[in-house]
Amino acid sequence: MSEYRHLLPVAEKAVGQAAELMRHRTPGALTAKGERDFASQLDYEIEREVRAFLRDATPEIGFLGEEDGVQGTGDMQWVLDPIDGTANFVRGLPLCAVSLGLLHADEAVLGVIEAPFLGNRYAAARGNGATVDGRPIRASGTTRLSDAIVAIGDYAVGADAAARNQPRLALTARLAEAVQRVRMVGSAALDLAWLAEGRIDATLTLCNYPWDMTGGTAIAREAGAVVVDHDGSAHHPGSSVTFGITPGLTEQVLALAGEALRES
């Protein structure tokens, strides 16, 4: 039995409360975080409420939120993205989610992701398997690139976006030549959740923010997917990129991505 399983009900209650706020509140005022990047008022409100709930429920565990940063210390830390896919949420696109993960000594050991406008909740604790709406899920058995549906992370924004997008564009071009379809969802949490469920076969994001990746990494791994850095080493909070891949495609996808990144 997973030593983290007892924390799943706490995480699911926290995420459920956040999802209710997303369903019933408007985004509110937008705060610029950089060029073409912003947070909504509801992002901040959800983060404050979830942080307060978790502080009371698990005072021994620290907290990292996308908007307000770190609270508390220790080798265990909740990691929250209050609204993953804020740009989608603000425009009324349903491809957004609440993502809560748990890090223990920099390893993703638990995750809960809820997509409030799609009606799905994904959950996992290390050693306990992964579920969607209580039903066990597994990564796909796809073994050929030509059969694969691959999600790619958002393109970069900001002052140096053109330079940072060169490898992203090169990777997109390579994927377009080799896989069945390329998708850009706009939510790393949903990409990883759908990888775990077998809806997609890989997700390639050329950046790594713990609030985007922790919950989804825990869920994808428990569903049998591989989550690694660009060189195939195990993904962790300090990794340079986040590649989630179904096992039968791991070597092929890493080879394709490596070629694209070397050429860009």
Protein backbone atom coordinates (compact mmCIF):
# COMPACT_ATOMS: atom_id res chain seq x y z
CA MET A 1 0.00 0.00 0.00
CA SER A 2 1.23 3.48 -0.84
CA GLU A 3 2.60 5.49 2.07
CA TYR A 4 1.06 8.57 0.43
CA ARG A 5 -2.41 7.13 -0.11
CA HIS A 6 -3.76 8.67 3.09
CA LEU A 7 -3.12 12.13 1.63
CA LEU A 8 -5.26 11.57 -1.47
CA PRO A 9 -8.57 12.51 0.21
CA VAL A 10 -6.99 15.77 1.42
CA ALA A 11 -5.69 16.58 -2.05
CA GLU A 12 -8.97 15.66 -3.73
CA LYS A 13 -10.96 17.86 -1.34
CA ALA A 14 -8.63 20.80 -1.98
CA VAL A 15 -8.85 20.37 -5.75
CA GLY A 16 -12.60 19.90 -5.60
CA GLN A 17 -13.02 23.21 -3.79
CA ALA A 18 -10.85 24.94 -6.38
CA ALA A 19 -12.78 23.40 -9.28
CA GLU A 20 -16.06 24.64 -7.79
CA LEU A 21 -14.68 28.17 -7.77
CA MET A 22 -13.69 27.85 -11.43
CA ARG A 23 -17.17 26.64 -12.34
CA HIS A 24 -19.01 29.43 -10.55
CA ARG A 25 -16.72 32.48 -10.61
CA THR A 26 -15.59 34.76 -13.42
CA PRO A 27 -11.84 35.27 -14.01
CA GLY A 28 -11.96 38.83 -12.63
CA ALA A 29 -9.23 41.37 -13.24
CA LEU A 30 -6.10 40.29 -15.10
CA THR A 31 -2.60 41.03 -13.77
CA ALA A 32 0.29 41.15 -16.23
CA LYS A 33 3.16 38.74 -15.46
CA GLY A 34 5.16 39.62 -18.56
CA GLU A 35 4.65 40.22 -22.25
CA ARG A 36 1.54 38.25 -23.36
CA ASP A 37 1.39 36.53 -19.97
CA PHE A 38 -1.06 37.16 -17.13
CA ALA A 39 -2.83 35.76 -14.10
CA SER A 40 -6.49 36.24 -13.30
CA GLN A 41 -7.91 37.44 -10.02
CA LEU A 42 -9.40 33.98 -9.60
CA ASP A 43 -5.94 32.38 -9.89
CA TYR A 44 -4.89 34.29 -6.76
CA GLU A 45 -8.15 33.60 -4.91
CA ILE A 46 -7.99 29.86 -5.54
CA GLU A 47 -4.35 29.68 -4.51
CA ARG A 48 -5.05 31.49 -1.23
CA GLU A 49 -8.00 29.23 -0.40
CA VAL A 50 -6.19 25.99 -1.24
CA ARG A 51 -3.07 27.08 0.64
CA ALA A 52 -5.13 27.89 3.74
CA PHE A 53 -6.99 24.56 3.55
CA LEU A 54 -3.79 22.54 3.18
CA ARG A 55 -2.02 24.50 5.94
CA ASP A 56 -4.79 23.50 8.34
CA ALA A 57 -5.10 19.91 7.09
CA THR A 58 -1.37 19.13 6.76
CA PRO A 59 0.62 21.75 8.71
CA GLU A 60 3.77 19.62 8.47
CA ILE A 61 3.88 19.90 4.65
CA GLY A 62 5.17 23.00 2.85
CA PHE A 63 3.47 24.71 -0.07
CA LEU A 64 4.53 26.12 -3.45
CA GLY A 65 2.01 28.00 -5.56
CA GLU A 66 2.47 29.45 -9.02
CA GLU A 67 1.30 32.92 -8.03
CA ASP A 68 2.55 33.53 -4.48
CA GLY A 69 5.54 31.19 -4.22
CA VAL A 70 6.76 29.15 -1.25
CA GLN A 71 5.21 28.90 2.20
CA GLY A 72 6.74 26.62 4.84
CA THR A 73 9.72 24.29 4.70
CA GLY A 74 10.51 20.58 4.88
CA ASP A 75 11.22 17.71 2.52
CA MET A 76 7.54 17.41 1.56
CA GLN A 77 5.78 20.16 -0.38
CA TRP A 78 2.38 20.61 -1.96
CA VAL A 79 2.68 22.20 -5.43
CA LEU A 80 -0.33 23.98 -6.91
CA ASP A 81 -1.27 25.48 -10.23
CA PRO A 82 -4.61 27.09 -9.33
CA ILE A 83 -5.70 27.40 -12.98
CA ASP A 84 -3.51 25.60 -15.49
CA GLY A 85 -4.47 27.08 -18.84
CA THR A 86 -5.48 30.54 -17.62
CA ALA A 87 -5.56 31.92 -21.18
CA ASN A 88 -8.05 29.20 -22.13
CA PHE A 89 -10.13 29.81 -19.00
CA VAL A 90 -10.35 33.57 -19.60
CA ARG A 91 -11.62 32.97 -23.14
CA GLY A 92 -14.17 30.37 -22.08
CA LEU A 93 -12.26 27.44 -23.55
CA PRO A 94 -12.83 24.30 -21.45
CA LEU A 95 -9.22 23.07 -21.73
CA CYS A 96 -8.06 24.16 -18.27
CA ALA A 97 -7.58 22.46 -14.94
CA VAL A 98 -6.62 22.65 -11.28
CA SER A 99 -3.38 20.76 -10.67
CA LEU A 100 -2.13 19.79 -7.22
CA GLY A 101 0.93 17.62 -6.70
CA LEU A 102 3.05 16.48 -3.80
CA LEU A 103 6.85 16.49 -3.87
CA HIS A 104 8.83 14.36 -1.43
CA ALA A 105 12.58 14.95 -1.61
CA ASP A 106 12.04 16.45 -5.09
CA GLU A 107 10.12 13.43 -6.37
CA ALA A 108 6.51 13.66 -7.55
CA VAL A 109 4.66 11.15 -5.37
CA LEU A 110 1.01 12.21 -5.58
CA GLY A 111 -1.17 14.17 -7.96
CA VAL A 112 -4.77 15.29 -8.41
CA ILE A 113 -5.92 17.12 -11.53
CA GLU A 114 -9.50 18.22 -12.16
CA ALA A 115 -10.85 19.62 -15.42
CA PRO A 116 -14.01 21.33 -14.14
CA PHE A 117 -15.57 21.99 -17.55
CA LEU A 118 -14.86 18.50 -18.88
CA GLY A 119 -16.11 16.67 -15.79
CA ASN A 120 -13.00 14.60 -15.09
CA ARG A 121 -10.78 14.16 -12.05
CA TYR A 122 -7.46 12.34 -12.29
CA ALA A 123 -5.68 11.07 -9.19
CA ALA A 124 -2.68 8.99 -8.20
CA ALA A 125 -0.41 8.21 -5.27
CA ARG A 126 2.86 6.37 -5.67
CA GLY A 127 2.33 2.63 -5.51
CA ASN A 128 -1.45 3.00 -5.69
CA GLY A 129 -2.07 3.32 -9.45
CA ALA A 130 -3.79 6.12 -11.35
CA THR A 131 -7.50 6.76 -11.86
CA VAL A 132 -9.91 9.01 -13.67
CA ASP A 133 -13.20 9.49 -11.81
CA GLY A 134 -12.30 6.46 -9.70
CA ARG A 135 -11.63 4.18 -12.71
CA PRO A 136 -8.11 2.76 -13.19
CA ILE A 137 -6.22 4.09 -16.21
CA ARG A 138 -3.09 3.07 -18.12
CA ALA A 139 -0.91 4.72 -20.73
CA SER A 140 -1.44 3.58 -24.31
CA GLY A 141 0.22 0.60 -25.96
CA THR A 142 1.17 2.55 -29.10
CA THR A 143 4.50 1.48 -30.60
CA ARG A 144 4.66 3.25 -33.97
CA LEU A 145 5.24 6.97 -34.41
CA SER A 146 2.89 7.02 -37.37
CA ASP A 147 0.06 5.95 -35.03
CA ALA A 148 0.90 8.47 -32.30
CA ILE A 149 -0.94 11.59 -31.22
CA VAL A 150 1.59 13.91 -29.59
CA ALA A 151 0.93 17.09 -27.64
CA ILE A 152 3.46 19.89 -27.64
CA GLY A 153 3.69 22.58 -24.97
CA ASP A 154 2.83 26.21 -25.59
CA TYR A 155 5.21 28.37 -27.57
CA ALA A 156 7.22 30.89 -25.59
CA VAL A 157 6.10 34.47 -25.02
CA GLY A 158 8.08 37.46 -23.82
CA ALA A 159 10.94 39.59 -25.03
CA ASP A 160 13.14 36.67 -26.15
CA ALA A 161 10.30 34.55 -27.51
CA ALA A 162 11.68 34.39 -31.05
CA ALA A 163 14.94 32.75 -29.94
CA ARG A 164 13.26 30.41 -27.48
CA ASN A 165 10.72 29.34 -30.08
CA GLN A 166 13.30 28.13 -32.59
CA PRO A 167 13.64 24.69 -30.96
CA ARG A 168 9.88 24.52 -30.40
CA LEU A 169 9.21 25.19 -34.08
CA ALA A 170 11.88 22.70 -35.12
CA LEU A 171 10.35 20.06 -32.87
CA THR A 172 6.85 20.77 -34.20
CA ALA A 173 8.10 20.39 -37.77
CA ARG A 174 9.78 17.07 -37.02
CA LEU A 175 6.68 15.74 -35.29
CA ALA A 176 4.45 16.84 -38.17
CA GLU A 177 6.54 14.71 -40.53
CA ALA A 178 6.47 11.58 -38.37
CA VAL A 179 3.40 11.26 -36.14
CA GLN A 180 -0.29 10.84 -36.82
CA ARG A 181 -1.29 14.21 -35.34
CA VAL A 182 0.26 17.07 -33.32
CA ARG A 183 -1.85 18.83 -30.69
CA MET A 184 -1.37 21.98 -28.60
CA VAL A 185 -3.87 21.94 -25.74
CA GLY A 186 -2.55 24.85 -23.66
CA SER A 187 -2.52 22.96 -20.35
CA ALA A 188 0.47 20.84 -19.34
CA ALA A 189 -1.61 19.24 -16.59
CA LEU A 190 -4.19 17.97 -19.07
CA ASP A 191 -1.47 16.80 -21.45
CA LEU A 192 0.01 14.60 -18.72
CA ALA A 193 -3.41 13.42 -17.51
CA TRP A 194 -4.41 12.44 -21.05
CA LEU A 195 -1.08 10.67 -21.51
CA ALA A 196 -1.90 8.66 -18.38
CA GLU A 197 -5.35 7.83 -19.74
CA GLY A 198 -4.04 6.78 -23.16
CA ARG A 199 -5.80 9.58 -25.03
CA ILE A 200 -2.46 10.82 -26.30
CA ASP A 201 0.83 8.99 -26.67
CA ALA A 202 3.38 11.66 -25.74
CA THR A 203 3.59 15.21 -24.47
CA LEU A 204 6.69 17.31 -25.11
CA THR A 205 7.15 20.58 -23.24
CA LEU A 206 10.40 22.51 -23.63
CA CYS A 207 10.27 24.02 -20.15
CA ASN A 208 9.65 22.81 -16.63
CA TYR A 209 7.72 24.61 -13.89
CA PRO A 210 6.89 22.48 -10.84
CA TRP A 211 3.34 23.80 -10.55
CA ASP A 212 2.60 22.72 -14.15
CA MET A 213 4.23 19.31 -13.95
CA THR A 214 4.23 17.79 -10.44
CA GLY A 215 0.67 16.51 -10.27
CA GLY A 216 0.65 15.27 -13.84
CA THR A 217 4.04 13.59 -13.51
CA ALA A 218 2.85 11.56 -10.53
CA ILE A 219 -0.33 10.51 -12.36
CA ALA A 220 1.40 9.66 -15.65
CA ARG A 221 4.06 7.54 -13.95
CA GLU A 222 1.49 5.61 -11.93
CA ALA A 223 -0.31 4.89 -15.22
CA GLY A 224 2.87 3.40 -16.66
CA ALA A 225 4.11 6.33 -18.73
CA VAL A 226 7.71 7.52 -18.75
CA VAL A 227 8.41 11.14 -17.70
CA VAL A 228 11.96 12.24 -18.44
CA ASP A 229 14.31 15.12 -19.23
CA HIS A 230 15.57 15.64 -22.79
CA ASP A 231 18.43 13.17 -22.29
CA GLY A 232 16.19 10.39 -20.99
CA SER A 233 17.11 10.86 -17.32
CA ALA A 234 14.29 10.83 -14.78
CA HIS A 235 12.32 14.06 -14.67
CA HIS A 236 12.52 16.14 -11.47
CA PRO A 237 11.85 19.78 -10.51
CA GLY A 238 15.26 20.86 -11.82
CA SER A 239 14.90 19.21 -15.23
CA SER A 240 15.26 21.43 -18.30
CA VAL A 241 12.25 20.00 -20.16
CA THR A 242 9.31 17.69 -19.53
CA PHE A 243 8.85 14.76 -21.90
CA GLY A 244 6.03 12.35 -21.04
CA ILE A 245 5.90 9.31 -23.31
CA THR A 246 4.10 5.99 -23.46
CA PRO A 247 6.68 3.21 -22.97
CA GLY A 248 6.49 1.72 -26.48
CA LEU A 249 7.50 5.04 -28.05
CA THR A 250 10.11 6.31 -25.60
CA GLU A 251 13.24 5.60 -27.63
CA GLN A 252 11.69 6.80 -30.90
CA VAL A 253 10.37 10.05 -29.45
CA LEU A 254 13.61 10.86 -27.62
CA ALA A 255 15.59 10.25 -30.82
CA LEU A 256 13.28 12.47 -32.87
CA ALA A 257 13.32 15.24 -30.26
CA GLY A 258 17.09 15.04 -29.92
CA GLU A 259 17.57 15.49 -33.65
CA ALA A 260 15.19 18.44 -33.74
CA LEU A 261 16.87 20.19 -30.81
CA ARG A 262 20.38 19.66 -32.22
CA GLU A 263 19.35 21.17 -35.54
CA SER A 264 17.60 24.23 -34.10
